[in-house]
Amino acid sequence: MAPPPIIQATLQSSFLAALSNILAQAIAAHRNNEAVTIDWVPVFQFVVFTVVSTPPNFLWQDFLESAFPAYLSASPPPKSPGSKESPPSPPPFPPPKLSLANTIIKFTLDQTVGAALNTLLFSTFTRSLRHAMLDAPRITSLPSAAKYWSSAGTVDFAAVDFGLVWAEAKAEFWPLVIAAAKLWPAVSLVNFTLIRSVQGRNLVGALAGVAWGVYVSLAMAD
C-alpha cells in the first residue's frame, strides 16, 4: 500500500533538500578551488527542517485548494417545467474553467501570509538548530554523521538563547522575503494555473526549492 500523499510529499521534499545542500557545498568548493567533500551535518539540518516544514505546507496548500478551488464544476442544465421525458442525448457539460478570482485569492494569500510564515519558520527553526549544535564537528563520512546525529546530547536546545534567535530571524526577514520574491511568485503562479493536484504542486515547489536551497545554503555558509 502506498503511503499517504502527505508522507510521499515529505519524502520527496527531504530528498531534494539534501540534494540542494550537497550542490551548494559542491559550488562553494568549486568557487574556492577546493576538492569537493560533503559535510553531512548541514545536510541533515536541512533535511530535519524539511521534515518539519513540509506537512504544514502541504496542509496549507490543501486548505487553499479546498477553500478556493481552481476549477468550478458547471451546474447541470435545468429541466423544462412539465417535461416528463429526458432528452435522448443530453448535451455534454462544458469543461470546467479556471476560476480567475479564486486563483488571485490563493496567489495573494500564498505570497503574503504563507510567505511570511514560511520565512519565520525557516529562520527560527534553522537558527535554533544551529545554536543547539554550536560545537558540531565537520563530518564527511555519511555513516559517521548518522552515528553522530543519533547520539544523545547532539542537539541541545537548552543551550539556545531564543531571544537571540528571534532577533536574528527578524533581522534577516526582509532580505529573505526580497530574495524569495525573485523565485516563489512565479512558482506559485505556475502551480495555481497549470497544476491541478496538491501533490503535483508540492513536487513543483520541491523542485524549485532545490534552487532556493542552494541559494540559502550558500548564504548561510557565508
N, C-alpha and C. Protein backbone atom coordinates (compact mmCIF):
# COMPACT_ATOMS: atom_id res chain seq x y z
N MET A 1 0.84 -1.19 0.00
CA MET A 1 0.00 0.00 0.00
C MET A 1 0.89 1.25 0.00
N ALA A 2 0.56 2.20 -0.89
CA ALA A 2 1.35 3.43 -0.99
C ALA A 2 1.12 4.30 0.24
N PRO A 3 2.15 5.01 0.69
CA PRO A 3 1.97 5.90 1.85
C PRO A 3 1.04 7.05 1.48
N PRO A 4 0.43 7.70 2.48
CA PRO A 4 -0.46 8.84 2.21
C PRO A 4 0.28 9.94 1.44
N PRO A 5 -0.46 10.75 0.67
CA PRO A 5 0.19 11.81 -0.12
C PRO A 5 1.07 12.74 0.70
N ILE A 6 0.68 13.05 1.93
CA ILE A 6 1.47 13.97 2.74
C ILE A 6 2.83 13.35 3.11
N ILE A 7 2.85 12.02 3.30
CA ILE A 7 4.12 11.33 3.59
C ILE A 7 4.99 11.29 2.33
N GLN A 8 4.36 10.98 1.18
CA GLN A 8 5.10 10.98 -0.08
C GLN A 8 5.73 12.35 -0.34
N ALA A 9 4.95 13.40 -0.10
CA ALA A 9 5.45 14.76 -0.32
C ALA A 9 6.63 15.07 0.59
N THR A 10 6.55 14.62 1.84
CA THR A 10 7.63 14.87 2.80
C THR A 10 8.90 14.14 2.39
N LEU A 11 8.76 12.89 1.93
CA LEU A 11 9.93 12.12 1.49
C LEU A 11 10.58 12.76 0.26
N GLN A 12 9.74 13.15 -0.72
CA GLN A 12 10.27 13.80 -1.93
C GLN A 12 11.02 15.08 -1.57
N SER A 13 10.38 15.91 -0.75
CA SER A 13 10.98 17.20 -0.39
C SER A 13 12.27 17.01 0.40
N SER A 14 12.31 16.00 1.27
CA SER A 14 13.51 15.75 2.07
C SER A 14 14.69 15.35 1.19
N PHE A 15 14.42 14.48 0.22
CA PHE A 15 15.48 14.07 -0.71
C PHE A 15 16.01 15.28 -1.49
N LEU A 16 15.09 16.12 -1.98
CA LEU A 16 15.51 17.28 -2.77
C LEU A 16 16.21 18.33 -1.91
N ALA A 17 15.83 18.42 -0.63
CA ALA A 17 16.52 19.35 0.28
C ALA A 17 17.96 18.90 0.50
N ALA A 18 18.16 17.60 0.69
CA ALA A 18 19.52 17.08 0.84
C ALA A 18 20.34 17.36 -0.42
N LEU A 19 19.71 17.15 -1.58
CA LEU A 19 20.40 17.40 -2.85
C LEU A 19 20.81 18.86 -2.97
N SER A 20 19.93 19.78 -2.56
CA SER A 20 20.24 21.21 -2.69
C SER A 20 21.44 21.59 -1.83
N ASN A 21 21.53 21.05 -0.62
CA ASN A 21 22.66 21.39 0.24
C ASN A 21 23.96 20.79 -0.28
N ILE A 22 23.88 19.56 -0.81
CA ILE A 22 25.07 18.93 -1.41
C ILE A 22 25.56 19.75 -2.60
N LEU A 23 24.62 20.19 -3.45
CA LEU A 23 25.00 21.03 -4.60
C LEU A 23 25.64 22.33 -4.15
N ALA A 24 25.08 22.93 -3.08
CA ALA A 24 25.63 24.19 -2.57
C ALA A 24 27.06 23.99 -2.09
N GLN A 25 27.32 22.89 -1.40
CA GLN A 25 28.68 22.63 -0.92
C GLN A 25 29.64 22.39 -2.09
N ALA A 26 29.14 21.72 -3.13
CA ALA A 26 29.98 21.49 -4.31
C ALA A 26 30.30 22.81 -5.01
N ILE A 27 29.30 23.70 -5.11
CA ILE A 27 29.53 25.01 -5.74
C ILE A 27 30.53 25.83 -4.92
N ALA A 28 30.38 25.81 -3.59
CA ALA A 28 31.29 26.56 -2.73
C ALA A 28 32.72 26.04 -2.87
N ALA A 29 32.88 24.72 -2.95
CA ALA A 29 34.22 24.15 -3.11
C ALA A 29 34.82 24.56 -4.45
N HIS A 30 33.99 24.55 -5.50
CA HIS A 30 34.47 24.95 -6.83
C HIS A 30 34.91 26.41 -6.83
N ARG A 31 34.12 27.27 -6.16
CA ARG A 31 34.48 28.69 -6.10
C ARG A 31 35.82 28.91 -5.40
N ASN A 32 36.09 28.08 -4.39
CA ASN A 32 37.31 28.23 -3.59
C ASN A 32 38.47 27.38 -4.11
N ASN A 33 38.25 26.73 -5.27
CA ASN A 33 39.27 25.85 -5.85
C ASN A 33 39.70 24.76 -4.88
N GLU A 34 38.72 24.16 -4.21
CA GLU A 34 38.98 23.09 -3.25
C GLU A 34 38.37 21.79 -3.76
N ALA A 35 38.87 20.68 -3.24
CA ALA A 35 38.26 19.38 -3.55
C ALA A 35 36.87 19.32 -2.92
N VAL A 36 35.95 18.66 -3.60
CA VAL A 36 34.58 18.57 -3.10
C VAL A 36 34.50 17.48 -2.03
N THR A 37 34.24 17.88 -0.81
CA THR A 37 33.96 16.94 0.28
C THR A 37 32.69 17.43 0.97
N ILE A 38 31.77 16.54 1.19
CA ILE A 38 30.46 16.92 1.73
C ILE A 38 30.47 16.83 3.25
N ASP A 39 30.13 17.93 3.90
CA ASP A 39 29.91 17.93 5.35
C ASP A 39 28.45 17.55 5.58
N TRP A 40 28.22 16.37 6.16
CA TRP A 40 26.86 15.84 6.26
C TRP A 40 26.05 16.48 7.38
N VAL A 41 26.67 17.24 8.26
CA VAL A 41 25.92 17.87 9.35
C VAL A 41 24.91 18.90 8.81
N PRO A 42 25.33 19.87 7.98
CA PRO A 42 24.33 20.79 7.44
C PRO A 42 23.31 20.12 6.52
N VAL A 43 23.72 19.03 5.85
CA VAL A 43 22.76 18.29 5.03
C VAL A 43 21.63 17.75 5.91
N PHE A 44 22.01 17.14 7.03
CA PHE A 44 21.00 16.62 7.95
C PHE A 44 20.14 17.75 8.52
N GLN A 45 20.75 18.90 8.80
CA GLN A 45 19.99 20.04 9.32
C GLN A 45 18.92 20.47 8.32
N PHE A 46 19.26 20.51 7.06
CA PHE A 46 18.30 20.88 6.02
C PHE A 46 17.19 19.84 5.92
N VAL A 47 17.56 18.57 6.02
CA VAL A 47 16.55 17.51 5.93
C VAL A 47 15.59 17.58 7.12
N VAL A 48 16.14 17.81 8.32
CA VAL A 48 15.28 17.91 9.51
C VAL A 48 14.30 19.05 9.36
N PHE A 49 14.77 20.21 8.87
CA PHE A 49 13.85 21.33 8.66
C PHE A 49 12.76 20.96 7.67
N THR A 50 13.13 20.27 6.60
CA THR A 50 12.16 19.90 5.57
C THR A 50 11.11 18.94 6.11
N VAL A 51 11.55 17.98 6.93
CA VAL A 51 10.60 17.04 7.54
C VAL A 51 9.60 17.78 8.42
N VAL A 52 10.07 18.82 9.10
CA VAL A 52 9.20 19.60 9.98
C VAL A 52 8.28 20.52 9.18
N SER A 53 8.78 21.12 8.11
CA SER A 53 8.03 22.17 7.41
C SER A 53 7.12 21.67 6.29
N THR A 54 7.40 20.50 5.72
CA THR A 54 6.59 20.04 4.58
C THR A 54 5.14 19.72 4.96
N PRO A 55 4.87 18.97 6.03
CA PRO A 55 3.45 18.68 6.35
C PRO A 55 2.58 19.92 6.52
N PRO A 56 2.99 20.95 7.31
CA PRO A 56 2.12 22.12 7.40
C PRO A 56 1.96 22.85 6.07
N ASN A 57 3.00 22.84 5.23
CA ASN A 57 2.87 23.47 3.91
C ASN A 57 1.92 22.68 3.02
N PHE A 58 1.98 21.37 3.11
CA PHE A 58 1.06 20.52 2.34
C PHE A 58 -0.38 20.81 2.76
N LEU A 59 -0.61 20.88 4.07
CA LEU A 59 -1.96 21.16 4.59
C LEU A 59 -2.41 22.57 4.22
N TRP A 60 -1.49 23.51 4.18
CA TRP A 60 -1.81 24.88 3.77
C TRP A 60 -2.28 24.91 2.31
N GLN A 61 -1.56 24.21 1.43
CA GLN A 61 -1.97 24.15 0.03
C GLN A 61 -3.30 23.43 -0.13
N ASP A 62 -3.51 22.39 0.67
CA ASP A 62 -4.78 21.66 0.62
C ASP A 62 -5.92 22.57 1.07
N PHE A 63 -5.69 23.37 2.11
CA PHE A 63 -6.71 24.31 2.59
C PHE A 63 -7.04 25.33 1.51
N LEU A 64 -6.01 25.90 0.88
CA LEU A 64 -6.25 26.90 -0.16
C LEU A 64 -7.08 26.33 -1.30
N GLU A 65 -6.76 25.09 -1.71
CA GLU A 65 -7.49 24.49 -2.83
C GLU A 65 -8.93 24.14 -2.43
N SER A 66 -9.12 23.70 -1.19
CA SER A 66 -10.47 23.37 -0.73
C SER A 66 -11.33 24.62 -0.59
N ALA A 67 -10.73 25.69 -0.06
CA ALA A 67 -11.49 26.92 0.17
C ALA A 67 -11.71 27.70 -1.13
N PHE A 68 -10.73 27.65 -2.02
CA PHE A 68 -10.82 28.42 -3.27
C PHE A 68 -10.43 27.52 -4.44
N PRO A 69 -11.33 26.60 -4.82
CA PRO A 69 -10.98 25.64 -5.88
C PRO A 69 -10.64 26.33 -7.19
N ALA A 70 -9.65 25.77 -7.87
CA ALA A 70 -9.20 26.35 -9.13
C ALA A 70 -10.24 26.19 -10.22
N TYR A 71 -10.92 25.05 -10.21
CA TYR A 71 -11.88 24.76 -11.27
C TYR A 71 -13.24 24.51 -10.65
N LEU A 72 -14.24 25.25 -11.13
CA LEU A 72 -15.60 25.12 -10.61
C LEU A 72 -16.41 24.29 -11.60
N SER A 73 -17.09 23.24 -11.10
CA SER A 73 -17.87 22.37 -11.97
C SER A 73 -19.11 23.11 -12.45
N ALA A 74 -19.43 22.90 -13.71
CA ALA A 74 -20.63 23.52 -14.27
C ALA A 74 -21.87 22.85 -13.71
N SER A 75 -22.93 23.63 -13.48
CA SER A 75 -24.19 23.07 -13.00
C SER A 75 -24.94 22.43 -14.15
N PRO A 76 -25.68 21.33 -13.89
CA PRO A 76 -26.45 20.70 -14.96
C PRO A 76 -27.56 21.63 -15.43
N PRO A 77 -27.92 21.58 -16.72
CA PRO A 77 -28.98 22.46 -17.23
C PRO A 77 -30.30 22.14 -16.55
N PRO A 78 -31.12 23.18 -16.24
CA PRO A 78 -32.41 22.92 -15.58
C PRO A 78 -33.37 22.21 -16.50
N LYS A 79 -34.26 21.38 -15.91
CA LYS A 79 -35.27 20.65 -16.68
C LYS A 79 -36.40 21.61 -17.04
N SER A 80 -36.98 21.45 -18.24
CA SER A 80 -38.12 22.27 -18.60
C SER A 80 -39.31 21.88 -17.74
N PRO A 81 -40.10 22.88 -17.28
CA PRO A 81 -41.26 22.54 -16.46
C PRO A 81 -42.25 21.69 -17.24
N GLY A 82 -42.74 20.67 -16.58
CA GLY A 82 -43.75 19.78 -17.17
C GLY A 82 -43.17 18.74 -18.10
N SER A 83 -41.85 18.74 -18.32
CA SER A 83 -41.30 17.71 -19.20
C SER A 83 -41.14 16.41 -18.45
N LYS A 84 -41.57 15.33 -19.05
CA LYS A 84 -41.53 14.01 -18.39
C LYS A 84 -40.40 13.17 -18.94
N GLU A 85 -40.07 13.39 -20.18
CA GLU A 85 -39.03 12.56 -20.80
C GLU A 85 -37.71 13.31 -20.85
N SER A 86 -36.65 12.58 -20.58
CA SER A 86 -35.34 13.21 -20.73
C SER A 86 -34.96 13.21 -22.20
N PRO A 87 -34.19 14.19 -22.59
CA PRO A 87 -33.76 14.21 -23.99
C PRO A 87 -32.91 12.99 -24.31
N PRO A 88 -33.03 12.46 -25.50
CA PRO A 88 -32.31 11.23 -25.85
C PRO A 88 -30.80 11.38 -25.72
N SER A 89 -30.25 12.50 -26.09
CA SER A 89 -28.80 12.69 -25.97
C SER A 89 -28.54 14.07 -25.37
N PRO A 90 -28.41 14.11 -24.03
CA PRO A 90 -28.18 15.41 -23.38
C PRO A 90 -26.84 15.99 -23.79
N PRO A 91 -26.78 17.31 -23.93
CA PRO A 91 -25.51 17.92 -24.34
C PRO A 91 -24.45 17.72 -23.27
N PRO A 92 -23.22 17.48 -23.66
CA PRO A 92 -22.16 17.27 -22.65
C PRO A 92 -21.91 18.56 -21.87
N PHE A 93 -21.53 18.36 -20.60
CA PHE A 93 -21.19 19.53 -19.78
C PHE A 93 -19.93 20.18 -20.35
N PRO A 94 -19.87 21.50 -20.35
CA PRO A 94 -18.62 22.14 -20.80
C PRO A 94 -17.50 21.87 -19.80
N PRO A 95 -16.26 21.78 -20.27
CA PRO A 95 -15.15 21.52 -19.33
C PRO A 95 -15.05 22.67 -18.33
N PRO A 96 -14.70 22.35 -17.07
CA PRO A 96 -14.59 23.42 -16.07
C PRO A 96 -13.50 24.41 -16.45
N LYS A 97 -13.78 25.68 -16.17
CA LYS A 97 -12.82 26.73 -16.49
C LYS A 97 -12.08 27.17 -15.23
N LEU A 98 -10.87 27.64 -15.42
CA LEU A 98 -10.08 28.14 -14.30
C LEU A 98 -10.77 29.35 -13.70
N SER A 99 -10.96 29.32 -12.39
CA SER A 99 -11.57 30.46 -11.69
C SER A 99 -10.50 31.52 -11.45
N LEU A 100 -10.62 32.62 -12.17
CA LEU A 100 -9.62 33.69 -12.04
C LEU A 100 -9.66 34.31 -10.65
N ALA A 101 -10.87 34.50 -10.11
CA ALA A 101 -10.99 35.12 -8.78
C ALA A 101 -10.34 34.25 -7.71
N ASN A 102 -10.63 32.94 -7.74
CA ASN A 102 -10.04 32.04 -6.74
C ASN A 102 -8.53 31.94 -6.88
N THR A 103 -8.06 31.96 -8.13
CA THR A 103 -6.61 31.90 -8.36
C THR A 103 -5.91 33.13 -7.79
N ILE A 104 -6.51 34.30 -7.98
CA ILE A 104 -5.93 35.54 -7.44
C ILE A 104 -5.91 35.51 -5.92
N ILE A 105 -7.01 35.03 -5.32
CA ILE A 105 -7.08 34.95 -3.85
C ILE A 105 -6.00 34.01 -3.32
N LYS A 106 -5.89 32.82 -3.93
CA LYS A 106 -4.89 31.84 -3.47
C LYS A 106 -3.47 32.39 -3.64
N PHE A 107 -3.22 32.99 -4.78
CA PHE A 107 -1.89 33.55 -5.03
C PHE A 107 -1.55 34.62 -4.00
N THR A 108 -2.51 35.50 -3.72
CA THR A 108 -2.27 36.59 -2.77
C THR A 108 -2.02 36.05 -1.36
N LEU A 109 -2.86 35.10 -0.92
CA LEU A 109 -2.68 34.53 0.41
C LEU A 109 -1.35 33.78 0.51
N ASP A 110 -1.00 33.05 -0.55
CA ASP A 110 0.22 32.25 -0.52
C ASP A 110 1.46 33.14 -0.47
N GLN A 111 1.41 34.27 -1.18
CA GLN A 111 2.59 35.13 -1.26
C GLN A 111 2.65 36.20 -0.17
N THR A 112 1.65 36.22 0.70
CA THR A 112 1.69 37.15 1.84
C THR A 112 1.73 36.36 3.15
N VAL A 113 0.60 35.77 3.51
CA VAL A 113 0.53 35.00 4.76
C VAL A 113 1.48 33.80 4.71
N GLY A 114 1.38 33.02 3.63
CA GLY A 114 2.22 31.82 3.51
C GLY A 114 3.70 32.16 3.47
N ALA A 115 4.06 33.17 2.69
CA ALA A 115 5.48 33.54 2.57
C ALA A 115 6.04 34.03 3.90
N ALA A 116 5.27 34.85 4.61
CA ALA A 116 5.74 35.38 5.90
C ALA A 116 5.94 34.27 6.92
N LEU A 117 4.95 33.37 7.01
CA LEU A 117 5.06 32.28 7.99
C LEU A 117 6.20 31.33 7.64
N ASN A 118 6.36 31.02 6.36
CA ASN A 118 7.45 30.13 5.95
C ASN A 118 8.81 30.75 6.23
N THR A 119 8.94 32.04 5.99
CA THR A 119 10.22 32.71 6.25
C THR A 119 10.57 32.68 7.73
N LEU A 120 9.58 32.99 8.57
CA LEU A 120 9.82 32.97 10.02
C LEU A 120 10.11 31.55 10.52
N LEU A 121 9.38 30.57 9.97
CA LEU A 121 9.61 29.18 10.36
C LEU A 121 11.03 28.76 9.99
N PHE A 122 11.44 29.10 8.77
CA PHE A 122 12.79 28.73 8.33
C PHE A 122 13.85 29.36 9.23
N SER A 123 13.73 30.67 9.44
CA SER A 123 14.76 31.37 10.21
C SER A 123 14.83 30.89 11.65
N THR A 124 13.68 30.82 12.31
CA THR A 124 13.69 30.45 13.73
C THR A 124 14.13 29.00 13.93
N PHE A 125 13.66 28.09 13.06
CA PHE A 125 14.00 26.68 13.25
C PHE A 125 15.46 26.41 12.92
N THR A 126 15.92 26.88 11.76
CA THR A 126 17.30 26.57 11.37
C THR A 126 18.31 27.26 12.30
N ARG A 127 18.01 28.48 12.71
CA ARG A 127 18.94 29.16 13.63
C ARG A 127 18.93 28.50 15.00
N SER A 128 17.75 28.07 15.47
CA SER A 128 17.70 27.35 16.75
C SER A 128 18.51 26.07 16.68
N LEU A 129 18.39 25.35 15.55
CA LEU A 129 19.12 24.10 15.39
C LEU A 129 20.63 24.35 15.34
N ARG A 130 21.04 25.39 14.66
CA ARG A 130 22.47 25.70 14.58
C ARG A 130 23.02 26.13 15.94
N HIS A 131 22.24 26.92 16.69
CA HIS A 131 22.69 27.32 18.03
C HIS A 131 22.73 26.12 18.97
N ALA A 132 21.83 25.15 18.74
CA ALA A 132 21.81 23.95 19.59
C ALA A 132 22.94 22.99 19.24
N MET A 133 23.67 23.28 18.14
CA MET A 133 24.76 22.41 17.70
C MET A 133 26.01 23.25 17.43
N LEU A 134 26.29 24.19 18.28
CA LEU A 134 27.42 25.11 18.05
C LEU A 134 28.75 24.38 17.93
N ASP A 135 28.90 23.28 18.65
CA ASP A 135 30.18 22.56 18.64
C ASP A 135 30.17 21.38 17.66
N ALA A 136 29.24 21.39 16.72
CA ALA A 136 29.17 20.26 15.78
C ALA A 136 30.44 20.19 14.93
N PRO A 137 31.06 19.02 14.83
CA PRO A 137 32.28 18.90 14.01
C PRO A 137 31.92 18.80 12.53
N ARG A 138 32.91 18.94 11.69
CA ARG A 138 32.72 18.69 10.26
C ARG A 138 32.85 17.19 10.04
N ILE A 139 31.81 16.56 9.50
CA ILE A 139 31.81 15.10 9.32
C ILE A 139 31.58 14.80 7.84
N THR A 140 32.57 14.21 7.19
CA THR A 140 32.47 13.93 5.76
C THR A 140 32.13 12.48 5.46
N SER A 141 31.94 11.69 6.50
CA SER A 141 31.53 10.28 6.32
C SER A 141 30.05 10.17 6.68
N LEU A 142 29.25 9.64 5.75
CA LEU A 142 27.81 9.54 6.00
C LEU A 142 27.48 8.62 7.17
N PRO A 143 28.10 7.42 7.30
CA PRO A 143 27.82 6.59 8.48
C PRO A 143 28.20 7.28 9.78
N SER A 144 29.34 7.98 9.78
CA SER A 144 29.76 8.69 11.00
C SER A 144 28.78 9.81 11.34
N ALA A 145 28.27 10.47 10.31
CA ALA A 145 27.30 11.55 10.54
C ALA A 145 26.01 10.99 11.12
N ALA A 146 25.56 9.84 10.60
CA ALA A 146 24.34 9.22 11.12
C ALA A 146 24.53 8.81 12.57
N LYS A 147 25.71 8.28 12.88
CA LYS A 147 26.01 7.90 14.27
C LYS A 147 26.04 9.14 15.17
N TYR A 148 26.61 10.22 14.67
CA TYR A 148 26.69 11.46 15.45
C TYR A 148 25.29 12.00 15.74
N TRP A 149 24.43 12.01 14.72
CA TRP A 149 23.09 12.55 14.89
C TRP A 149 22.24 11.71 15.84
N SER A 150 22.52 10.42 15.90
CA SER A 150 21.72 9.55 16.77
C SER A 150 22.27 9.49 18.20
N SER A 151 23.38 10.19 18.45
CA SER A 151 23.97 10.18 19.80
C SER A 151 23.22 11.13 20.72
N ALA A 152 23.15 10.76 21.99
CA ALA A 152 22.49 11.62 22.98
C ALA A 152 23.28 12.91 23.16
N GLY A 153 22.57 14.02 23.27
CA GLY A 153 23.21 15.30 23.52
C GLY A 153 23.73 16.00 22.29
N THR A 154 23.50 15.42 21.10
CA THR A 154 23.98 16.07 19.88
C THR A 154 23.30 17.42 19.68
N VAL A 155 21.99 17.44 19.90
CA VAL A 155 21.22 18.68 19.78
C VAL A 155 20.77 19.09 21.18
N ASP A 156 21.22 20.26 21.62
CA ASP A 156 20.91 20.72 22.98
C ASP A 156 20.14 22.05 22.90
N PHE A 157 18.81 21.95 22.84
CA PHE A 157 18.00 23.16 22.75
C PHE A 157 18.01 23.95 24.06
N ALA A 158 18.42 23.31 25.15
CA ALA A 158 18.50 24.04 26.43
C ALA A 158 19.58 25.12 26.37
N ALA A 159 20.53 24.95 25.47
CA ALA A 159 21.62 25.93 25.36
C ALA A 159 21.29 27.08 24.42
N VAL A 160 20.10 27.04 23.83
CA VAL A 160 19.73 28.05 22.83
C VAL A 160 19.18 29.29 23.51
N ASP A 161 19.67 30.44 23.11
CA ASP A 161 19.12 31.73 23.55
C ASP A 161 18.05 32.12 22.53
N PHE A 162 16.78 31.82 22.85
CA PHE A 162 15.71 32.04 21.88
C PHE A 162 15.45 33.53 21.63
N GLY A 163 15.81 34.37 22.59
CA GLY A 163 15.73 35.81 22.34
C GLY A 163 16.67 36.23 21.23
N LEU A 164 17.89 35.66 21.24
CA LEU A 164 18.86 35.94 20.19
C LEU A 164 18.39 35.37 18.85
N VAL A 165 17.83 34.15 18.89
CA VAL A 165 17.31 33.53 17.66
C VAL A 165 16.24 34.41 17.04
N TRP A 166 15.32 34.91 17.86
CA TRP A 166 14.23 35.74 17.35
C TRP A 166 14.78 37.05 16.78
N ALA A 167 15.77 37.63 17.44
CA ALA A 167 16.39 38.86 16.92
C ALA A 167 17.05 38.61 15.56
N GLU A 168 17.73 37.47 15.43
CA GLU A 168 18.37 37.13 14.15
C GLU A 168 17.33 36.88 13.07
N ALA A 169 16.23 36.20 13.45
CA ALA A 169 15.17 35.91 12.48
C ALA A 169 14.54 37.20 11.97
N LYS A 170 14.32 38.16 12.87
CA LYS A 170 13.74 39.44 12.45
C LYS A 170 14.71 40.21 11.56
N ALA A 171 15.99 40.13 11.88
CA ALA A 171 16.99 40.86 11.10
C ALA A 171 17.08 40.35 9.66
N GLU A 172 16.90 39.05 9.45
CA GLU A 172 17.04 38.50 8.10
C GLU A 172 15.69 38.32 7.41
N PHE A 173 14.59 38.73 8.07
CA PHE A 173 13.26 38.50 7.50
C PHE A 173 13.11 39.18 6.14
N TRP A 174 13.33 40.49 6.08
CA TRP A 174 13.10 41.20 4.81
C TRP A 174 14.11 40.82 3.74
N PRO A 175 15.39 40.66 4.05
CA PRO A 175 16.30 40.18 3.00
C PRO A 175 15.87 38.84 2.39
N LEU A 176 15.39 37.93 3.25
CA LEU A 176 14.92 36.63 2.73
C LEU A 176 13.65 36.80 1.90
N VAL A 177 12.72 37.63 2.37
CA VAL A 177 11.47 37.85 1.63
C VAL A 177 11.77 38.46 0.26
N ILE A 178 12.67 39.43 0.22
CA ILE A 178 13.01 40.08 -1.06
C ILE A 178 13.69 39.08 -2.00
N ALA A 179 14.59 38.25 -1.46
CA ALA A 179 15.24 37.23 -2.29
C ALA A 179 14.22 36.21 -2.79
N ALA A 180 13.30 35.81 -1.91
CA ALA A 180 12.29 34.81 -2.29
C ALA A 180 11.35 35.35 -3.36
N ALA A 181 11.13 36.66 -3.38
CA ALA A 181 10.22 37.26 -4.35
C ALA A 181 10.73 37.13 -5.78
N LYS A 182 12.02 36.79 -5.94
CA LYS A 182 12.57 36.60 -7.29
C LYS A 182 12.23 35.23 -7.85
N LEU A 183 11.76 34.31 -6.99
CA LEU A 183 11.50 32.94 -7.42
C LEU A 183 10.08 32.48 -7.15
N TRP A 184 9.63 32.61 -5.89
CA TRP A 184 8.42 31.91 -5.48
C TRP A 184 7.12 32.43 -6.08
N PRO A 185 6.96 33.74 -6.38
CA PRO A 185 5.72 34.14 -7.05
C PRO A 185 5.53 33.44 -8.39
N ALA A 186 6.61 33.26 -9.16
CA ALA A 186 6.50 32.56 -10.44
C ALA A 186 6.12 31.10 -10.23
N VAL A 187 6.72 30.46 -9.22
CA VAL A 187 6.38 29.06 -8.91
C VAL A 187 4.92 28.96 -8.50
N SER A 188 4.48 29.88 -7.65
CA SER A 188 3.10 29.87 -7.18
C SER A 188 2.13 30.06 -8.34
N LEU A 189 2.46 30.96 -9.26
CA LEU A 189 1.59 31.21 -10.41
C LEU A 189 1.47 29.98 -11.29
N VAL A 190 2.58 29.31 -11.54
CA VAL A 190 2.55 28.07 -12.33
C VAL A 190 1.71 27.02 -11.62
N ASN A 191 1.91 26.87 -10.32
CA ASN A 191 1.16 25.87 -9.56
C ASN A 191 -0.34 26.10 -9.63
N PHE A 192 -0.76 27.34 -9.41
CA PHE A 192 -2.19 27.63 -9.30
C PHE A 192 -2.90 27.70 -10.64
N THR A 193 -2.15 27.84 -11.73
CA THR A 193 -2.80 27.92 -13.04
C THR A 193 -2.65 26.65 -13.88
N LEU A 194 -1.57 25.90 -13.67
CA LEU A 194 -1.31 24.74 -14.53
C LEU A 194 -1.37 23.40 -13.82
N ILE A 195 -1.10 23.36 -12.52
CA ILE A 195 -1.03 22.09 -11.79
C ILE A 195 -2.29 21.94 -10.95
N ARG A 196 -3.03 20.85 -11.15
CA ARG A 196 -4.34 20.72 -10.50
C ARG A 196 -4.27 20.09 -9.12
N SER A 197 -3.36 19.13 -8.91
CA SER A 197 -3.36 18.41 -7.63
C SER A 197 -2.41 19.05 -6.63
N VAL A 198 -2.75 18.92 -5.34
CA VAL A 198 -1.88 19.43 -4.29
C VAL A 198 -0.55 18.69 -4.30
N GLN A 199 -0.59 17.35 -4.58
CA GLN A 199 0.64 16.57 -4.63
C GLN A 199 1.57 17.08 -5.74
N GLY A 200 0.96 17.38 -6.91
CA GLY A 200 1.76 17.91 -8.01
C GLY A 200 2.36 19.26 -7.69
N ARG A 201 1.58 20.10 -7.02
CA ARG A 201 2.08 21.43 -6.64
C ARG A 201 3.24 21.31 -5.65
N ASN A 202 3.11 20.36 -4.73
CA ASN A 202 4.20 20.18 -3.76
C ASN A 202 5.48 19.74 -4.46
N LEU A 203 5.34 18.86 -5.47
CA LEU A 203 6.53 18.39 -6.20
C LEU A 203 7.18 19.54 -6.97
N VAL A 204 6.35 20.36 -7.64
CA VAL A 204 6.90 21.52 -8.35
C VAL A 204 7.61 22.46 -7.38
N GLY A 205 6.97 22.68 -6.22
CA GLY A 205 7.59 23.53 -5.21
C GLY A 205 8.90 22.96 -4.69
N ALA A 206 8.94 21.63 -4.52
CA ALA A 206 10.16 20.99 -4.03
C ALA A 206 11.28 21.08 -5.06
N LEU A 207 10.93 20.95 -6.35
CA LEU A 207 11.95 21.06 -7.40
C LEU A 207 12.49 22.49 -7.46
N ALA A 208 11.59 23.47 -7.36
CA ALA A 208 12.05 24.87 -7.30
C ALA A 208 12.86 25.11 -6.04
N GLY A 209 12.50 24.36 -4.98
CA GLY A 209 13.20 24.51 -3.71
C GLY A 209 14.64 24.06 -3.77
N VAL A 210 15.00 23.26 -4.78
CA VAL A 210 16.42 22.87 -4.94
C VAL A 210 17.25 24.13 -5.21
N ALA A 211 16.77 24.97 -6.15
CA ALA A 211 17.49 26.21 -6.45
C ALA A 211 17.49 27.14 -5.24
N TRP A 212 16.34 27.23 -4.57
CA TRP A 212 16.25 28.09 -3.38
C TRP A 212 17.16 27.56 -2.27
N GLY A 213 17.18 26.24 -2.11
CA GLY A 213 18.02 25.64 -1.08
C GLY A 213 19.50 25.88 -1.33
N VAL A 214 19.90 25.85 -2.60
CA VAL A 214 21.30 26.14 -2.93
C VAL A 214 21.63 27.58 -2.53
N TYR A 215 20.73 28.50 -2.88
CA TYR A 215 20.96 29.92 -2.56
C TYR A 215 21.06 30.12 -1.05
N VAL A 216 20.11 29.55 -0.31
CA VAL A 216 20.08 29.74 1.15
C VAL A 216 21.29 29.08 1.80
N SER A 217 21.66 27.89 1.31
CA SER A 217 22.82 27.19 1.88
C SER A 217 24.10 27.99 1.69
N LEU A 218 24.26 28.57 0.50
CA LEU A 218 25.45 29.39 0.24
C LEU A 218 25.44 30.65 1.12
N ALA A 219 24.25 31.24 1.28
CA ALA A 219 24.14 32.45 2.11
C ALA A 219 24.46 32.13 3.57
N MET A 220 23.96 30.99 4.05
CA MET A 220 24.21 30.61 5.44
C MET A 220 25.69 30.28 5.65
N ALA A 221 26.31 29.67 4.65
CA ALA A 221 27.73 29.33 4.77
C ALA A 221 28.59 30.59 4.83
N ASP A 222 28.15 31.64 4.09
CA ASP A 222 28.90 32.89 4.10
C ASP A 222 28.72 33.64 5.42
